Protein backbone atom coordinates (compact mmCIF):
# COMPACT_ATOMS: atom_id res chain seq x y z
CA MET A 1 -27.27 -80.66 15.87
CA GLU A 2 -23.76 -80.14 14.50
CA LEU A 3 -20.95 -81.03 17.49
CA ILE A 4 -18.92 -78.41 16.19
CA GLN A 5 -20.29 -75.09 15.56
CA GLU A 6 -18.48 -71.38 14.83
CA GLN A 7 -20.01 -68.10 16.45
CA THR A 8 -18.98 -64.85 16.17
CA LEU A 9 -19.05 -62.38 19.45
CA GLN A 10 -17.68 -59.10 20.75
CA CYS A 11 -14.54 -59.23 22.81
CA PRO A 12 -15.51 -57.96 26.51
CA TYR A 13 -12.17 -56.20 26.45
CA CYS A 14 -10.98 -54.44 22.87
CA GLY A 15 -14.83 -54.96 21.03
CA GLU A 16 -13.44 -56.41 17.94
CA LEU A 17 -15.68 -59.49 16.70
CA ILE A 18 -14.15 -62.56 17.05
CA SER A 19 -14.62 -66.03 15.88
CA LEU A 20 -15.17 -68.99 18.19
CA LEU A 21 -15.49 -72.79 17.89
CA LEU A 22 -17.49 -74.44 19.98
CA ASP A 23 -17.55 -78.30 21.03
CA CYS A 24 -21.28 -78.73 21.44
CA SER A 25 -21.00 -82.61 22.74
CA VAL A 26 -20.43 -81.48 26.50
CA ALA A 27 -23.83 -79.90 27.60
CA ASP A 28 -22.44 -77.43 30.18
CA GLN A 29 -18.82 -75.87 30.23
CA GLU A 30 -16.72 -73.30 30.99
CA TYR A 31 -12.95 -72.36 30.05
CA THR A 32 -10.89 -69.44 29.19
CA GLU A 33 -9.94 -68.58 26.01
CA ASP A 34 -7.57 -65.54 24.73
CA CYS A 35 -9.32 -62.93 22.44
CA GLN A 36 -7.76 -63.47 18.71
CA VAL A 37 -7.14 -59.79 18.69
CA CYS A 38 -6.06 -58.43 21.74
CA CYS A 39 -5.06 -61.58 23.34
CA ARG A 40 -6.48 -61.09 26.81
CA PRO A 41 -8.06 -63.89 28.44
CA MET A 42 -11.80 -64.43 28.23
CA ILE A 43 -14.08 -66.56 30.33
CA VAL A 44 -16.42 -68.81 27.88
CA THR A 45 -19.62 -70.24 29.32
CA LEU A 46 -21.34 -72.60 27.05
CA SER A 47 -24.66 -74.43 28.04
CA ILE A 48 -26.78 -76.36 25.21
CA ALA A 49 -30.68 -75.48 25.51
CA VAL A 50 -33.55 -78.04 25.54
CA ASP A 51 -33.86 -77.05 21.71
CA GLU A 52 -30.09 -78.24 20.97
CA LYS A 53 -29.16 -74.27 20.57
CA PRO A 54 -26.27 -73.26 22.53
CA LEU A 55 -26.26 -70.64 24.60
CA LEU A 56 -22.81 -68.84 24.56
CA SER A 57 -21.55 -65.96 26.98
CA VAL A 58 -18.07 -64.37 27.19
CA ARG A 59 -16.73 -62.23 30.01
CA ARG A 60 -13.65 -60.62 31.19
CA GLU A 61 -11.43 -62.50 33.71
CA ASP A 62 -10.85 -59.65 35.75
CA ASP A 63 -14.39 -59.51 36.83
């Protein structure tokens, strides 16, 4: 498994596709990252599954 992976997803605010670089060296993490388009803060949740696939979700900070 590559420790740094790129994922494309949709911003929960503006709906634009954005690219995130994921650090898969930490199994479970949650952090805030600003959207590259609208600059609003998103909560990024990343966990690594047993098969070493990254499970990624993003949500609005104001939810």
